[in-house]
Amino acid sequence: QSTFLVYVDLSKGEMPLGATALAQVYGQLGNTHADADAALIKRFFNAMQKVVKSRKALAYHDRADGGIAVTLAEMAITGGRGLIAKLPDGDALEQLFNEQPGAVLQVAEKNVSEVLAVFKAARVPASVVGTASRSSRAFEVYVGERLALRTDLTFIRRAWSETTYRMQALRDNPASAKEEYDNG
């Protein structure tokens, strides 16, 4: 059974990459950084409270820590589901790795229109950007019509676990850390 991915984009069209995890990976700081509109954040918070109270979201992940690429990877890993997402057209790095406020919700098909209506009533931009499926382990993300990422859940889970393994190997017995990583 597939579920839908609802993207709540609070960026107001701004997608700076300064001070992001991506910038850090490349040893850069950047000139611009994420910013938030307090009134929009308040409307989003109140709308989310309605969604939570009505139990219409199956999962929620924010994008402010690594960008939507990380958000989607976290969702795939924790949900054990492959996913296909199509983000708005634009610069792929900006779309995937900006850390502006925003979130992705996983929503059952029967609840999508109600969840979108809650955000619309609150004047908070939200749209369906994809699906998550237990029957597929594929992980594909498009930016506009261009394929930006294609892999599978196994690869993502393994890559994600590698950081934990490396920290554990430094802190604990390296042999037992490697054994746990290999069995994970």
Protein backbone atom coordinates (compact mmCIF):
# COMPACT_ATOMS: atom_id res chain seq x y z
CA GLN A 1 0.00 0.00 0.00
CA SER A 2 1.37 3.39 -1.00
CA THR A 3 1.13 6.53 1.06
CA PHE A 4 1.67 10.09 -0.08
CA LEU A 5 4.42 12.56 0.75
CA VAL A 6 3.16 16.06 1.54
CA TYR A 7 5.86 18.72 1.33
CA VAL A 8 5.38 21.85 3.43
CA ASP A 9 7.78 24.43 2.01
CA LEU A 10 8.29 27.42 4.30
CA SER A 11 11.19 28.87 2.28
CA LYS A 12 9.15 31.56 0.49
CA GLY A 13 11.26 30.78 -2.59
CA GLU A 14 14.61 31.39 -0.89
CA MET A 15 17.07 28.48 -0.92
CA PRO A 16 20.39 29.57 0.55
CA LEU A 17 23.10 26.97 1.03
CA GLY A 18 25.29 28.91 3.46
CA ALA A 19 25.84 27.33 6.88
CA THR A 20 24.26 24.05 5.71
CA ALA A 21 25.54 20.51 6.15
CA LEU A 22 26.35 20.55 2.42
CA ALA A 23 28.50 23.67 2.83
CA GLN A 24 30.26 22.04 5.76
CA VAL A 25 31.05 18.93 3.70
CA TYR A 26 32.78 21.16 1.15
CA GLY A 27 34.57 23.22 3.83
CA GLN A 28 32.63 26.36 2.96
CA LEU A 29 30.60 28.79 5.00
CA GLY A 30 28.55 30.60 2.36
CA ASN A 31 27.18 34.12 2.21
CA THR A 32 23.52 33.47 2.94
CA HIS A 33 21.83 31.20 5.46
CA ALA A 34 18.40 29.83 6.30
CA ASP A 35 15.89 32.29 7.65
CA ALA A 36 12.34 32.02 8.91
CA ASP A 37 9.21 34.13 8.66
CA ALA A 38 7.80 34.12 12.21
CA ALA A 39 4.18 34.64 11.08
CA LEU A 40 4.42 31.76 8.58
CA ILE A 41 6.04 29.50 11.19
CA LYS A 42 3.23 30.29 13.63
CA ARG A 43 0.57 29.44 11.01
CA PHE A 44 2.45 26.23 10.19
CA PHE A 45 2.66 25.27 13.88
CA ASN A 46 -1.05 25.83 14.40
CA ALA A 47 -1.94 23.88 11.25
CA MET A 48 0.33 21.01 12.33
CA GLN A 49 -1.42 20.89 15.70
CA LYS A 50 -4.70 20.30 13.85
CA VAL A 51 -3.13 17.58 11.70
CA VAL A 52 -1.61 15.89 14.77
CA LYS A 53 -4.83 16.16 16.80
CA SER A 54 -6.81 14.55 13.98
CA ARG A 55 -4.12 11.85 13.57
CA LYS A 56 -3.95 12.38 9.81
CA ALA A 57 -0.13 12.17 9.47
CA LEU A 58 1.64 8.83 9.64
CA ALA A 59 5.10 10.40 9.88
CA TYR A 60 6.72 13.84 10.04
CA HIS A 61 10.30 14.88 9.31
CA ASP A 62 11.62 18.45 9.16
CA ARG A 63 14.10 19.55 6.51
CA ALA A 64 16.09 22.07 8.54
CA ASP A 65 18.87 19.59 9.32
CA GLY A 66 20.45 18.57 6.03
CA GLY A 67 17.73 19.52 3.56
CA ILE A 68 14.94 17.57 1.93
CA ALA A 69 17.33 14.91 0.57
CA VAL A 70 18.18 14.00 4.18
CA THR A 71 14.53 14.32 5.23
CA LEU A 72 13.46 11.83 2.57
CA ALA A 73 16.31 9.46 3.44
CA GLU A 74 15.29 9.55 7.11
CA MET A 75 11.71 8.80 6.15
CA ALA A 76 12.71 5.88 3.95
CA ILE A 77 14.98 4.40 6.62
CA THR A 78 12.64 4.76 9.58
CA GLY A 79 9.56 3.69 7.64
CA GLY A 80 11.29 0.84 5.84
CA ARG A 81 9.73 2.07 2.60
CA GLY A 82 11.10 2.99 -0.77
CA LEU A 83 9.93 6.30 -2.17
CA ILE A 84 9.65 8.37 -5.30
CA ALA A 85 9.50 12.15 -4.97
CA LYS A 86 9.32 14.95 -7.51
CA LEU A 87 10.43 18.32 -6.15
CA PRO A 88 9.82 21.67 -7.83
CA ASP A 89 12.11 22.56 -10.71
CA GLY A 90 15.23 24.57 -9.93
CA ASP A 91 18.85 24.14 -9.00
CA ALA A 92 19.21 20.55 -7.75
CA LEU A 93 21.65 21.36 -4.93
CA GLU A 94 19.44 24.17 -3.68
CA GLN A 95 16.29 22.05 -3.85
CA LEU A 96 17.88 19.03 -2.16
CA PHE A 97 20.13 20.57 0.48
CA ASN A 98 18.83 23.99 1.56
CA GLU A 99 17.92 23.97 5.22
CA GLN A 100 15.09 26.48 5.20
CA PRO A 101 12.18 25.64 7.48
CA GLY A 102 9.90 23.01 6.04
CA ALA A 103 8.74 19.46 6.48
CA VAL A 104 7.53 16.32 4.76
CA LEU A 105 4.55 14.41 6.10
CA GLN A 106 3.63 10.87 5.15
CA VAL A 107 -0.14 10.70 4.74
CA ALA A 108 -2.57 7.90 3.86
CA GLU A 109 -4.30 8.46 0.53
CA LYS A 110 -7.72 8.85 2.19
CA ASN A 111 -6.41 11.77 4.31
CA VAL A 112 -4.40 13.75 1.74
CA SER A 113 -7.12 16.19 0.71
CA GLU A 114 -8.01 16.93 4.34
CA VAL A 115 -4.36 17.56 5.30
CA LEU A 116 -3.83 19.83 2.29
CA ALA A 117 -7.02 21.72 3.18
CA VAL A 118 -5.75 22.36 6.73
CA PHE A 119 -2.56 23.92 5.35
CA LYS A 120 -4.42 25.88 2.68
CA ALA A 121 -6.79 27.34 5.28
CA ALA A 122 -3.74 28.41 7.30
CA ARG A 123 -2.12 29.98 4.20
CA VAL A 124 0.80 27.55 4.45
CA PRO A 125 2.22 26.18 1.17
CA ALA A 126 1.88 22.40 0.96
CA SER A 127 1.72 19.95 -1.93
CA VAL A 128 1.99 16.26 -2.69
CA VAL A 129 5.48 15.52 -4.02
CA GLY A 130 5.55 11.75 -4.09
CA THR A 131 4.72 8.36 -2.67
CA ALA A 132 6.24 5.92 -0.22
CA SER A 133 5.67 2.20 -0.74
CA ARG A 134 6.41 -0.95 1.27
CA SER A 135 6.44 -2.98 -1.92
CA SER A 136 9.40 -1.07 -3.37
CA ARG A 137 12.89 -0.43 -2.03
CA ALA A 138 13.62 2.15 -4.74
CA PHE A 139 14.65 5.64 -3.66
CA GLU A 140 14.25 8.19 -6.44
CA VAL A 141 14.13 11.96 -6.22
CA TYR A 142 13.51 14.22 -9.19
CA VAL A 143 14.01 17.97 -9.38
CA GLY A 144 11.51 19.05 -11.97
CA GLU A 145 11.78 16.39 -14.68
CA ARG A 146 15.46 15.65 -13.95
CA LEU A 147 16.46 12.59 -11.94
CA ALA A 148 18.61 13.88 -9.06
CA LEU A 149 18.99 10.76 -6.89
CA ARG A 150 18.44 7.09 -7.62
CA THR A 151 19.43 4.30 -5.28
CA ASP A 152 17.68 1.86 -2.97
CA LEU A 153 16.79 1.61 0.69
CA THR A 154 19.56 -0.89 1.43
CA PHE A 155 22.27 1.49 0.16
CA ILE A 156 20.83 4.45 2.05
CA ARG A 157 20.53 2.51 5.30
CA ARG A 158 24.12 1.24 4.96
CA ALA A 159 25.53 4.69 4.18
CA TRP A 160 23.59 6.19 7.09
CA SER A 161 24.90 3.54 9.48
CA GLU A 162 28.51 4.11 8.47
CA THR A 163 28.80 7.36 10.44
CA THR A 164 27.54 5.66 13.59
CA TYR A 165 29.95 2.78 13.00
CA ARG A 166 32.93 5.13 12.61
CA MET A 167 32.09 7.01 15.82
CA GLN A 168 31.54 3.74 17.71
CA ALA A 169 34.83 2.33 16.41
CA LEU A 170 36.66 5.35 17.85
CA ARG A 171 34.82 5.18 21.16
CA ASP A 172 34.47 1.41 21.71
CA ASN A 173 36.20 -1.77 20.65
CA PRO A 174 36.79 -1.38 16.87
CA ALA A 175 36.31 -5.12 16.23
CA SER A 176 32.91 -5.27 17.93
CA ALA A 177 31.83 -2.03 16.22
CA LYS A 178 32.74 -3.54 12.83
CA GLU A 179 30.87 -6.74 13.65
CA GLU A 180 27.73 -4.77 14.60
CA TYR A 181 27.99 -2.67 11.43
CA ASP A 182 28.39 -5.77 9.23
CA ASN A 183 25.34 -7.40 10.84
CA GLY A 184 23.17 -4.25 10.63
